[in-house]
Amino acid sequence: MKVCDAMTPDVQLCTPDDTLRDAAEAMAALGVGLLPVADGERLVGMITDRDIALRGIGMGRGPDSRVGDVMTAEVKYCFEDQELEDIAQNMGAIQVRRLPVLSRDKRLVGIIALGDIALIQASDGTGMALSQISRPTTQHAQL
């Protein structure tokens, strides 16, 4: 099964110039903890509720601060035509719960979460990814 068979295709975006308030309100309305950040059609980062709390509020920035000042610029992603099992294993290895999904011409086409994978295929791949995400590490992913 391919990533495109399990991903969520409708993804709310924000821009680097949006405010932390805008991002937080969008996350609350959607019931999500992460938004891709796009500059035009180019994916330039990801912002999480954790970024807002720690890099934003925790560093003295207010709700009118820019998303671009606190977002995670290093974006890990997968392609829509990759095998779902491979991506589940990769998510465990890099310790992320969600990945933006790109087409081969690098356009954002969706987002895949471990929950999406679990709904489609309750397999050892999901269990393996979840167990690897839960293991202690000295590196912390922002996604």
N, C-alpha and C. Protein backbone atom coordinates (compact mmCIF):
# COMPACT_ATOMS: atom_id res chain seq x y z
N MET A 1 0.84 -1.17 0.00
CA MET A 1 0.00 0.00 0.00
C MET A 1 0.89 1.24 0.00
N LYS A 2 0.45 2.26 -0.69
CA LYS A 2 1.22 3.50 -0.84
C LYS A 2 0.78 4.55 0.19
N VAL A 3 1.66 5.51 0.44
CA VAL A 3 1.38 6.60 1.36
C VAL A 3 0.10 7.34 0.95
N CYS A 4 -0.09 7.55 -0.36
CA CYS A 4 -1.27 8.28 -0.82
C CYS A 4 -2.58 7.59 -0.46
N ASP A 5 -2.53 6.30 -0.17
CA ASP A 5 -3.74 5.56 0.21
C ASP A 5 -4.13 5.81 1.67
N ALA A 6 -3.24 6.34 2.47
CA ALA A 6 -3.51 6.53 3.90
C ALA A 6 -3.42 7.99 4.35
N MET A 7 -2.80 8.85 3.56
CA MET A 7 -2.56 10.23 3.99
C MET A 7 -3.85 11.03 4.06
N THR A 8 -3.77 12.14 4.76
CA THR A 8 -4.84 13.12 4.77
C THR A 8 -4.50 14.15 3.70
N PRO A 9 -5.33 14.27 2.66
CA PRO A 9 -4.97 15.15 1.56
C PRO A 9 -5.23 16.64 1.82
N ASP A 10 -6.20 16.96 2.65
CA ASP A 10 -6.51 18.36 2.92
C ASP A 10 -5.67 18.86 4.08
N VAL A 11 -4.72 19.73 3.79
CA VAL A 11 -3.79 20.20 4.80
C VAL A 11 -3.89 21.71 4.92
N GLN A 12 -4.11 22.17 6.13
CA GLN A 12 -4.12 23.61 6.42
C GLN A 12 -2.67 24.08 6.46
N LEU A 13 -2.38 25.15 5.75
CA LEU A 13 -1.04 25.72 5.72
C LEU A 13 -1.01 27.04 6.46
N CYS A 14 0.18 27.44 6.85
CA CYS A 14 0.37 28.81 7.30
C CYS A 14 1.63 29.32 6.61
N THR A 15 1.90 30.60 6.76
CA THR A 15 3.07 31.21 6.13
C THR A 15 4.03 31.68 7.21
N PRO A 16 5.27 31.95 6.84
CA PRO A 16 6.23 32.46 7.83
C PRO A 16 5.79 33.79 8.44
N ASP A 17 4.97 34.55 7.71
CA ASP A 17 4.52 35.85 8.21
C ASP A 17 3.26 35.80 9.05
N ASP A 18 2.60 34.65 9.12
CA ASP A 18 1.45 34.51 10.01
C ASP A 18 1.92 34.67 11.45
N THR A 19 1.00 35.02 12.32
CA THR A 19 1.35 35.18 13.73
C THR A 19 1.21 33.84 14.47
N LEU A 20 1.84 33.77 15.62
CA LEU A 20 1.69 32.59 16.46
C LEU A 20 0.22 32.42 16.85
N ARG A 21 -0.48 33.52 17.06
CA ARG A 21 -1.90 33.45 17.37
C ARG A 21 -2.66 32.80 16.22
N ASP A 22 -2.37 33.22 14.97
CA ASP A 22 -3.03 32.63 13.80
C ASP A 22 -2.80 31.12 13.75
N ALA A 23 -1.56 30.72 13.95
CA ALA A 23 -1.21 29.29 13.90
C ALA A 23 -1.91 28.52 15.02
N ALA A 24 -1.90 29.07 16.23
CA ALA A 24 -2.53 28.40 17.37
C ALA A 24 -4.04 28.29 17.16
N GLU A 25 -4.66 29.33 16.64
CA GLU A 25 -6.10 29.28 16.38
C GLU A 25 -6.44 28.24 15.33
N ALA A 26 -5.62 28.17 14.27
CA ALA A 26 -5.85 27.16 13.23
C ALA A 26 -5.69 25.75 13.78
N MET A 27 -4.65 25.54 14.60
CA MET A 27 -4.44 24.23 15.21
C MET A 27 -5.63 23.85 16.10
N ALA A 28 -6.11 24.81 16.89
CA ALA A 28 -7.25 24.54 17.78
C ALA A 28 -8.50 24.20 16.98
N ALA A 29 -8.76 24.95 15.92
CA ALA A 29 -9.95 24.71 15.10
C ALA A 29 -9.91 23.35 14.42
N LEU A 30 -8.70 22.93 14.02
CA LEU A 30 -8.55 21.66 13.32
C LEU A 30 -8.30 20.48 14.26
N GLY A 31 -7.99 20.76 15.50
CA GLY A 31 -7.67 19.69 16.44
C GLY A 31 -6.35 19.01 16.12
N VAL A 32 -5.36 19.80 15.66
CA VAL A 32 -4.05 19.27 15.31
C VAL A 32 -2.98 20.01 16.10
N GLY A 33 -1.78 19.47 16.13
CA GLY A 33 -0.68 20.09 16.84
C GLY A 33 0.46 20.50 15.93
N LEU A 34 0.21 20.54 14.62
CA LEU A 34 1.28 20.83 13.67
C LEU A 34 0.68 21.39 12.40
N LEU A 35 1.36 22.39 11.83
CA LEU A 35 0.96 22.94 10.53
C LEU A 35 2.20 23.08 9.65
N PRO A 36 2.08 22.69 8.39
CA PRO A 36 3.17 22.98 7.45
C PRO A 36 3.23 24.49 7.18
N VAL A 37 4.43 24.98 6.97
CA VAL A 37 4.64 26.40 6.68
C VAL A 37 5.11 26.51 5.24
N ALA A 38 4.38 27.28 4.44
CA ALA A 38 4.70 27.41 3.02
C ALA A 38 4.96 28.86 2.67
N ASP A 39 5.90 29.03 1.75
CA ASP A 39 6.17 30.34 1.16
C ASP A 39 5.82 30.18 -0.30
N GLY A 40 4.66 30.63 -0.68
CA GLY A 40 4.15 30.34 -2.02
C GLY A 40 3.83 28.86 -2.10
N GLU A 41 4.39 28.18 -3.08
CA GLU A 41 4.16 26.74 -3.22
C GLU A 41 5.27 25.91 -2.58
N ARG A 42 6.23 26.58 -1.96
CA ARG A 42 7.38 25.89 -1.39
C ARG A 42 7.21 25.64 0.10
N LEU A 43 7.38 24.41 0.54
CA LEU A 43 7.34 24.05 1.95
C LEU A 43 8.65 24.51 2.58
N VAL A 44 8.56 25.40 3.57
CA VAL A 44 9.77 25.97 4.17
C VAL A 44 9.95 25.60 5.64
N GLY A 45 8.96 24.95 6.21
CA GLY A 45 9.09 24.57 7.61
C GLY A 45 7.83 23.93 8.14
N MET A 46 7.87 23.65 9.43
CA MET A 46 6.71 23.11 10.15
C MET A 46 6.65 23.87 11.47
N ILE A 47 5.43 24.13 11.92
CA ILE A 47 5.25 24.73 13.24
C ILE A 47 4.37 23.81 14.07
N THR A 48 4.81 23.56 15.28
CA THR A 48 4.06 22.69 16.18
C THR A 48 3.58 23.49 17.38
N ASP A 49 2.62 22.91 18.10
CA ASP A 49 2.19 23.55 19.34
C ASP A 49 3.36 23.65 20.30
N ARG A 50 4.26 22.69 20.23
CA ARG A 50 5.46 22.71 21.07
C ARG A 50 6.39 23.88 20.69
N ASP A 51 6.54 24.14 19.38
CA ASP A 51 7.34 25.30 18.94
C ASP A 51 6.76 26.59 19.51
N ILE A 52 5.44 26.70 19.45
CA ILE A 52 4.79 27.92 19.95
C ILE A 52 5.03 28.06 21.45
N ALA A 53 4.89 26.96 22.18
CA ALA A 53 5.05 27.01 23.64
C ALA A 53 6.50 27.27 24.04
N LEU A 54 7.44 26.53 23.45
CA LEU A 54 8.83 26.63 23.91
C LEU A 54 9.63 27.74 23.24
N ARG A 55 9.59 27.80 21.91
CA ARG A 55 10.38 28.81 21.20
C ARG A 55 9.67 30.15 21.13
N GLY A 56 8.35 30.10 21.29
CA GLY A 56 7.57 31.33 21.26
C GLY A 56 7.40 31.88 22.66
N ILE A 57 6.37 31.44 23.35
CA ILE A 57 6.02 31.96 24.67
C ILE A 57 7.16 31.76 25.67
N GLY A 58 7.77 30.58 25.66
CA GLY A 58 8.86 30.29 26.59
C GLY A 58 10.08 31.19 26.42
N MET A 59 10.24 31.74 25.22
CA MET A 59 11.37 32.64 24.96
C MET A 59 10.94 34.11 24.98
N GLY A 60 9.74 34.36 25.53
CA GLY A 60 9.29 35.74 25.70
C GLY A 60 8.62 36.36 24.49
N ARG A 61 8.34 35.57 23.49
CA ARG A 61 7.66 36.10 22.31
C ARG A 61 6.15 36.10 22.56
N GLY A 62 5.50 37.10 22.05
CA GLY A 62 4.06 37.22 22.23
C GLY A 62 3.28 36.59 21.10
N PRO A 63 1.95 36.63 21.20
CA PRO A 63 1.10 36.00 20.19
C PRO A 63 1.16 36.66 18.82
N ASP A 64 1.69 37.88 18.77
CA ASP A 64 1.81 38.55 17.47
C ASP A 64 3.16 38.32 16.81
N SER A 65 4.00 37.48 17.40
CA SER A 65 5.29 37.12 16.79
C SER A 65 5.04 36.29 15.54
N ARG A 66 6.02 36.29 14.67
CA ARG A 66 5.91 35.59 13.38
C ARG A 66 6.18 34.09 13.52
N VAL A 67 5.44 33.30 12.76
CA VAL A 67 5.66 31.85 12.68
C VAL A 67 7.09 31.57 12.24
N GLY A 68 7.59 32.34 11.28
CA GLY A 68 8.94 32.13 10.75
C GLY A 68 10.03 32.23 11.80
N ASP A 69 9.74 32.91 12.92
CA ASP A 69 10.74 33.07 13.97
C ASP A 69 10.84 31.86 14.89
N VAL A 70 9.82 31.00 14.90
CA VAL A 70 9.83 29.87 15.83
C VAL A 70 9.64 28.51 15.16
N MET A 71 9.36 28.49 13.88
CA MET A 71 9.10 27.22 13.18
C MET A 71 10.36 26.37 13.10
N THR A 72 10.17 25.11 12.84
CA THR A 72 11.27 24.19 12.56
C THR A 72 11.53 24.25 11.07
N ALA A 73 12.71 24.70 10.69
CA ALA A 73 13.00 24.89 9.27
C ALA A 73 13.43 23.59 8.58
N GLU A 74 14.02 22.67 9.33
CA GLU A 74 14.44 21.41 8.74
C GLU A 74 13.23 20.49 8.64
N VAL A 75 12.76 20.29 7.42
CA VAL A 75 11.54 19.52 7.21
C VAL A 75 11.87 18.12 6.75
N LYS A 76 11.39 17.15 7.49
CA LYS A 76 11.47 15.76 7.08
C LYS A 76 10.16 15.46 6.36
N TYR A 77 10.22 14.69 5.28
CA TYR A 77 9.02 14.44 4.48
C TYR A 77 9.12 13.09 3.81
N CYS A 78 8.02 12.69 3.18
CA CYS A 78 8.02 11.47 2.39
C CYS A 78 7.30 11.78 1.08
N PHE A 79 7.33 10.82 0.17
CA PHE A 79 6.67 10.98 -1.12
C PHE A 79 5.40 10.14 -1.16
N GLU A 80 4.42 10.62 -1.88
CA GLU A 80 3.11 9.97 -1.95
C GLU A 80 3.16 8.56 -2.53
N ASP A 81 4.18 8.26 -3.34
CA ASP A 81 4.24 6.94 -3.98
C ASP A 81 5.13 5.94 -3.24
N GLN A 82 5.60 6.31 -2.05
CA GLN A 82 6.40 5.39 -1.26
C GLN A 82 5.51 4.37 -0.56
N GLU A 83 6.10 3.23 -0.23
CA GLU A 83 5.37 2.17 0.46
C GLU A 83 5.09 2.59 1.90
N LEU A 84 3.87 2.37 2.33
CA LEU A 84 3.43 2.75 3.67
C LEU A 84 4.26 2.09 4.76
N GLU A 85 4.56 0.82 4.60
CA GLU A 85 5.34 0.10 5.60
C GLU A 85 6.74 0.70 5.75
N ASP A 86 7.36 1.09 4.63
CA ASP A 86 8.69 1.71 4.68
C ASP A 86 8.63 3.04 5.43
N ILE A 87 7.58 3.82 5.17
CA ILE A 87 7.45 5.13 5.82
C ILE A 87 7.19 4.95 7.31
N ALA A 88 6.39 3.97 7.69
CA ALA A 88 6.14 3.71 9.11
C ALA A 88 7.45 3.38 9.83
N GLN A 89 8.27 2.57 9.22
CA GLN A 89 9.57 2.23 9.81
C GLN A 89 10.47 3.45 9.89
N ASN A 90 10.46 4.28 8.84
CA ASN A 90 11.28 5.49 8.80
C ASN A 90 10.82 6.48 9.87
N MET A 91 9.52 6.60 10.06
CA MET A 91 9.00 7.51 11.09
C MET A 91 9.51 7.09 12.46
N GLY A 92 9.57 5.79 12.70
CA GLY A 92 10.12 5.31 13.96
C GLY A 92 11.59 5.61 14.09
N ALA A 93 12.31 5.41 13.01
CA ALA A 93 13.76 5.63 13.04
C ALA A 93 14.11 7.10 13.29
N ILE A 94 13.33 8.02 12.72
CA ILE A 94 13.63 9.44 12.90
C ILE A 94 12.79 10.06 14.01
N GLN A 95 11.98 9.24 14.67
CA GLN A 95 11.18 9.62 15.83
C GLN A 95 10.23 10.79 15.58
N VAL A 96 9.38 10.63 14.57
CA VAL A 96 8.33 11.62 14.30
C VAL A 96 6.98 10.91 14.23
N ARG A 97 5.96 11.65 14.53
CA ARG A 97 4.60 11.10 14.50
C ARG A 97 3.86 11.47 13.22
N ARG A 98 4.33 12.52 12.54
CA ARG A 98 3.69 12.98 11.31
C ARG A 98 4.74 13.43 10.31
N LEU A 99 4.42 13.26 9.04
CA LEU A 99 5.30 13.73 7.97
C LEU A 99 4.47 14.40 6.89
N PRO A 100 4.96 15.52 6.35
CA PRO A 100 4.31 16.06 5.16
C PRO A 100 4.55 15.10 4.00
N VAL A 101 3.59 15.03 3.11
CA VAL A 101 3.68 14.15 1.94
C VAL A 101 3.82 15.02 0.70
N LEU A 102 4.85 14.75 -0.07
CA LEU A 102 5.12 15.52 -1.29
C LEU A 102 4.95 14.65 -2.53
N SER A 103 4.61 15.31 -3.63
CA SER A 103 4.65 14.63 -4.93
C SER A 103 6.11 14.61 -5.36
N ARG A 104 6.42 13.86 -6.40
CA ARG A 104 7.82 13.78 -6.85
C ARG A 104 8.33 15.11 -7.38
N ASP A 105 7.43 16.05 -7.73
CA ASP A 105 7.90 17.38 -8.13
C ASP A 105 7.93 18.33 -6.93
N LYS A 106 7.90 17.72 -5.71
CA LYS A 106 8.08 18.41 -4.43
C LYS A 106 6.96 19.40 -4.09
N ARG A 107 5.75 19.07 -4.50
CA ARG A 107 4.58 19.86 -4.10
C ARG A 107 3.88 19.14 -2.95
N LEU A 108 3.46 19.91 -1.95
CA LEU A 108 2.77 19.32 -0.80
C LEU A 108 1.42 18.79 -1.25
N VAL A 109 1.17 17.50 -0.98
CA VAL A 109 -0.10 16.88 -1.39
C VAL A 109 -0.87 16.31 -0.20
N GLY A 110 -0.27 16.32 1.00
CA GLY A 110 -0.97 15.78 2.15
C GLY A 110 -0.06 15.69 3.35
N ILE A 111 -0.59 15.00 4.37
CA ILE A 111 0.19 14.74 5.58
C ILE A 111 -0.16 13.33 6.04
N ILE A 112 0.83 12.63 6.54
CA ILE A 112 0.61 11.26 7.03
C ILE A 112 0.97 11.24 8.52
N ALA A 113 0.11 10.63 9.30
CA ALA A 113 0.33 10.50 10.73
C ALA A 113 0.31 9.01 11.09
N LEU A 114 0.94 8.67 12.19
CA LEU A 114 0.92 7.28 12.63
C LEU A 114 -0.52 6.80 12.81
N GLY A 115 -1.39 7.69 13.24
CA GLY A 115 -2.80 7.32 13.38
C GLY A 115 -3.43 6.94 12.05
N ASP A 116 -3.04 7.63 10.96
CA ASP A 116 -3.54 7.29 9.63
C ASP A 116 -3.09 5.89 9.24
N ILE A 117 -1.84 5.59 9.54
CA ILE A 117 -1.29 4.28 9.20
C ILE A 117 -1.99 3.19 10.01
N ALA A 118 -2.21 3.48 11.27
CA ALA A 118 -2.87 2.49 12.14
C ALA A 118 -4.29 2.20 11.66
N LEU A 119 -4.98 3.21 11.15
CA LEU A 119 -6.34 3.00 10.64
C LEU A 119 -6.35 2.13 9.40
N ILE A 120 -5.35 2.29 8.56
CA ILE A 120 -5.30 1.55 7.30
C ILE A 120 -4.74 0.14 7.49
N GLN A 121 -3.66 0.05 8.21
CA GLN A 121 -3.03 -1.27 8.35
C GLN A 121 -2.47 -1.41 9.75
N ALA A 122 -3.14 -2.15 10.54
CA ALA A 122 -2.67 -2.43 11.90
C ALA A 122 -1.64 -3.55 11.78
N SER A 123 -0.42 -3.15 11.52
CA SER A 123 0.64 -4.13 11.27
C SER A 123 1.82 -3.91 12.20
N ASP A 124 2.80 -4.76 12.06
CA ASP A 124 4.01 -4.62 12.86
C ASP A 124 4.73 -3.31 12.56
N GLY A 125 4.56 -2.75 11.35
CA GLY A 125 5.22 -1.50 11.00
C GLY A 125 4.80 -0.38 11.92
N THR A 126 3.53 -0.27 12.19
CA THR A 126 3.05 0.77 13.09
C THR A 126 3.55 0.54 14.49
N GLY A 127 3.45 -0.71 14.96
CA GLY A 127 3.94 -1.02 16.29
C GLY A 127 5.42 -0.73 16.43
N MET A 128 6.19 -1.05 15.40
CA MET A 128 7.62 -0.80 15.43
C MET A 128 7.89 0.70 15.49
N ALA A 129 7.19 1.46 14.67
CA ALA A 129 7.39 2.91 14.66
C ALA A 129 7.04 3.50 16.03
N LEU A 130 5.91 3.09 16.58
CA LEU A 130 5.51 3.61 17.88
C LEU A 130 6.51 3.24 18.97
N SER A 131 7.03 2.03 18.94
CA SER A 131 7.98 1.63 19.97
C SER A 131 9.28 2.40 19.84
N GLN A 132 9.72 2.70 18.62
CA GLN A 132 10.96 3.46 18.43
C GLN A 132 10.78 4.92 18.83
N ILE A 133 9.60 5.48 18.60
CA ILE A 133 9.34 6.86 18.99
C ILE A 133 9.39 6.98 20.51
N SER A 134 8.94 5.95 21.20
CA SER A 134 8.86 6.00 22.65
C SER A 134 10.20 5.76 23.35
N ARG A 135 11.19 5.30 22.63
CA ARG A 135 12.45 4.98 23.30
C ARG A 135 13.21 6.26 23.66
N PRO A 136 13.94 6.25 24.77
CA PRO A 136 14.71 7.43 25.19
C PRO A 136 15.82 7.74 24.19
N THR A 137 16.12 8.99 24.04
CA THR A 137 17.17 9.41 23.12
C THR A 137 17.75 10.73 23.60
N THR A 138 18.93 11.07 23.10
CA THR A 138 19.51 12.37 23.43
C THR A 138 19.11 13.40 22.38
N GLN A 139 18.64 12.95 21.23
CA GLN A 139 18.16 13.87 20.20
C GLN A 139 16.66 14.00 20.32
N HIS A 140 16.15 15.20 20.13
CA HIS A 140 14.71 15.41 20.19
C HIS A 140 14.26 16.02 18.89
N ALA A 141 13.29 15.36 18.25
CA ALA A 141 12.70 15.87 17.01
C ALA A 141 11.65 16.90 17.35
N GLN A 142 11.47 17.87 16.50
CA GLN A 142 10.47 18.90 16.71
C GLN A 142 9.15 18.55 16.06
N LEU A 143 9.07 17.45 15.36
CA LEU A 143 7.82 17.09 14.69
C LEU A 143 7.09 16.02 15.43
